Amino acid sequence: MKGSDLARAALEAARASAKERGARVARRGGSGGAVRRRRRWSGPGPDDRDPQPLGRLASRIAADRGWTERLAGGQVFARWPKLVGEDVAEHAQPVAFSDGELTVQADSTAWATQLRLLQRELLKRIAAGVGNGVVHKLKVQGPAAPSWRYGPRHVPGRGPRDTYG
């Protein structure tokens, strides 16, 4: 069989299967032009061709590109006071979110200890507000120590603190 015969046989098989399904088969007219199809209107119900709400389009794009986990992590930062409560949010702020681990920095060591004790309850609240499986682990840090590194250049060693005592 030649290549053109194979193509002709494949075309006939496709037309036959389309005819079985009840689909319209476009045939070429005698002049070689394709038969024009009538435009189908969407009707009164919702359709893919209708204008879509921006939120639906944004969520579809996020799901297609695999951004849902990062966006859920951003929700934790945006809704922090509502998720954990105003009293905890006054003394602790989320600092980083990576691979399901949320790093929270407390403004005192006493609040850092309190957050470590409330860790299970905070994880439950976050899961209820943002979704299950977004935050797996909570890492609590105490207050940050002051930095002695000033300026663009730094010399290794103790520096000016070696004369204090």
Protein backbone atom coordinates (compact mmCIF):
# COMPACT_ATOMS: atom_id res chain seq x y z
CA MET A 1 0.00 0.00 0.00
CA LYS A 2 1.15 3.49 -0.80
CA GLY A 3 1.20 6.39 1.68
CA SER A 4 -1.74 8.07 -0.03
CA ASP A 5 -3.78 4.85 0.23
CA LEU A 6 -3.03 4.63 3.96
CA ALA A 7 -4.09 8.23 4.46
CA ARG A 8 -7.29 7.68 2.50
CA ALA A 9 -8.10 4.56 4.57
CA ALA A 10 -7.46 6.44 7.84
CA LEU A 11 -9.72 9.29 6.69
CA GLU A 12 -12.54 6.89 5.82
CA ALA A 13 -12.17 5.16 9.21
CA ALA A 14 -12.35 8.50 11.00
CA ARG A 15 -15.44 9.51 9.03
CA ALA A 16 -17.12 6.20 9.82
CA SER A 17 -16.47 6.51 13.56
CA ALA A 18 -17.73 10.12 13.52
CA LYS A 19 -20.87 9.00 11.73
CA GLU A 20 -21.47 6.32 14.39
CA ARG A 21 -21.19 8.96 17.13
CA GLY A 22 -23.62 11.20 15.31
CA ALA A 23 -21.16 14.01 14.67
CA ARG A 24 -21.42 16.10 11.55
CA VAL A 25 -18.75 15.34 9.00
CA ALA A 26 -17.43 18.25 6.97
CA ARG A 27 -16.99 17.25 3.37
CA ARG A 28 -15.38 19.23 0.66
CA GLY A 29 -17.64 20.67 -1.95
CA GLY A 30 -17.07 20.34 -5.66
CA SER A 31 -15.15 23.62 -5.81
CA GLY A 32 -12.56 22.42 -3.23
CA GLY A 33 -13.67 24.80 -0.44
CA ALA A 34 -14.71 23.62 2.99
CA VAL A 35 -18.36 23.71 4.01
CA ARG A 36 -19.05 26.60 6.38
CA ARG A 37 -20.38 25.66 9.78
CA ARG A 38 -23.05 27.71 11.46
CA ARG A 39 -22.02 29.58 14.57
CA ARG A 40 -23.37 28.04 17.72
CA TRP A 41 -24.53 30.46 20.40
CA SER A 42 -23.85 29.80 24.04
CA GLY A 43 -27.47 30.13 25.14
CA PRO A 44 -28.79 31.20 28.53
CA GLY A 45 -26.66 28.82 30.61
CA PRO A 46 -23.04 29.27 31.66
CA ASP A 47 -20.46 28.41 29.03
CA ASP A 48 -16.64 28.36 28.73
CA ARG A 49 -16.86 31.19 26.22
CA ASP A 50 -18.62 33.50 28.68
CA PRO A 51 -16.59 36.12 30.57
CA GLN A 52 -15.16 34.52 33.69
CA PRO A 53 -14.72 36.13 37.13
CA LEU A 54 -11.14 37.18 37.83
CA GLY A 55 -10.88 35.05 40.97
CA ARG A 56 -11.83 31.90 39.09
CA LEU A 57 -9.28 32.61 36.37
CA ALA A 58 -6.56 33.36 38.94
CA SER A 59 -7.22 30.13 40.84
CA ARG A 60 -7.18 28.13 37.59
CA ILE A 61 -3.82 29.67 36.59
CA ALA A 62 -2.40 29.02 40.06
CA ALA A 63 -3.50 25.38 39.93
CA ASP A 64 -2.10 24.90 36.41
CA ARG A 65 1.29 26.31 37.37
CA GLY A 66 1.58 24.62 40.77
CA TRP A 67 1.40 27.80 42.87
CA THR A 68 -1.31 26.65 45.27
CA GLU A 69 1.09 25.74 48.11
CA ARG A 70 2.90 29.07 47.90
CA LEU A 71 -0.38 30.97 47.82
CA ALA A 72 -1.64 29.07 50.84
CA GLY A 73 1.57 30.03 52.66
CA GLY A 74 0.91 33.64 51.74
CA GLN A 75 -2.56 33.34 53.26
CA VAL A 76 -0.96 32.43 56.57
CA PHE A 77 1.03 35.69 56.51
CA ALA A 78 -1.94 37.79 55.36
CA ARG A 79 -4.44 36.38 57.86
CA TRP A 80 -2.07 35.83 60.80
CA PRO A 81 -4.03 37.87 63.44
CA LYS A 82 -7.32 36.15 62.53
CA LEU A 83 -5.76 32.68 62.49
CA VAL A 84 -3.95 32.74 65.83
CA GLY A 85 -5.83 35.48 67.69
CA GLU A 86 -5.03 39.10 68.43
CA ASP A 87 -3.16 38.43 71.69
CA VAL A 88 -0.70 36.02 70.08
CA ALA A 89 -0.35 38.17 66.95
CA GLU A 90 0.71 41.15 69.12
CA HIS A 91 3.74 39.27 70.38
CA ALA A 92 4.64 36.94 67.50
CA GLN A 93 5.00 37.39 63.75
CA PRO A 94 5.50 34.83 60.96
CA VAL A 95 8.95 35.23 59.42
CA ALA A 96 9.36 32.47 56.83
CA PHE A 97 7.43 29.61 55.24
CA SER A 98 9.21 26.78 53.44
CA ASP A 99 8.21 23.17 52.71
CA GLY A 100 5.35 23.18 55.20
CA GLU A 101 7.46 24.66 58.01
CA LEU A 102 6.35 28.04 59.37
CA THR A 103 8.96 30.04 61.26
CA VAL A 104 7.53 32.41 63.87
CA GLN A 105 9.53 35.01 65.79
CA ALA A 106 8.37 36.05 69.24
CA ASP A 107 9.21 39.45 70.76
CA SER A 108 10.40 37.93 74.07
CA THR A 109 11.73 34.63 75.32
CA ALA A 110 8.67 34.24 77.55
CA TRP A 111 6.37 34.47 74.52
CA ALA A 112 8.61 32.06 72.60
CA THR A 113 8.16 29.52 75.40
CA GLN A 114 4.41 30.14 75.46
CA LEU A 115 4.19 29.60 71.69
CA ARG A 116 6.09 26.33 71.98
CA LEU A 117 3.53 25.18 74.56
CA LEU A 118 0.63 26.28 72.33
CA GLN A 119 2.14 24.76 69.18
CA ARG A 120 -0.51 22.05 68.69
CA GLU A 121 -3.37 24.48 69.20
CA LEU A 122 -1.84 27.00 66.79
CA LEU A 123 -1.36 24.33 64.12
CA LYS A 124 -5.04 23.32 64.49
CA ARG A 125 -6.18 26.94 64.15
CA ILE A 126 -4.01 27.49 61.07
CA ALA A 127 -5.29 24.26 59.49
CA ALA A 128 -8.89 25.31 60.16
CA GLY A 129 -8.34 28.74 58.60
CA VAL A 130 -6.10 28.01 55.63
CA GLY A 131 -6.49 24.30 54.97
CA ASN A 132 -5.22 20.96 56.13
CA GLY A 133 -1.68 20.02 55.19
CA VAL A 134 -0.44 23.55 54.47
CA VAL A 135 1.59 24.00 57.68
CA HIS A 136 3.08 20.77 59.07
CA LYS A 137 5.57 22.16 61.55
CA LEU A 138 5.92 25.33 63.59
CA LYS A 139 9.42 26.60 64.39
CA VAL A 140 9.48 29.24 67.13
CA GLN A 141 12.36 31.70 67.50
CA GLY A 142 13.06 34.10 70.31
CA PRO A 143 13.88 37.78 69.85
CA ALA A 144 16.74 38.63 67.48
CA ALA A 145 20.04 39.74 69.04
CA PRO A 146 21.56 43.03 67.88
CA SER A 147 24.07 42.83 65.07
CA TRP A 148 27.55 44.30 65.48
CA ARG A 149 28.24 44.28 61.77
CA TYR A 150 28.01 47.83 60.50
CA GLY A 151 28.96 48.95 57.02
CA PRO A 152 29.78 47.06 53.84
CA ARG A 153 33.13 45.64 55.07
CA HIS A 154 33.65 43.33 58.01
CA VAL A 155 36.80 41.92 59.57
CA PRO A 156 36.48 38.45 61.11
CA GLY A 157 37.09 38.18 64.83
CA ARG A 158 35.65 39.67 67.98
CA GLY A 159 36.14 43.27 66.92
CA PRO A 160 35.32 46.11 69.33
CA ARG A 161 33.87 43.77 71.98
CA ASP A 162 37.27 42.43 73.00
CA THR A 163 38.02 45.56 75.08
CA TYR A 164 34.86 45.41 77.21
CA GLY A 165 36.22 43.38 80.01
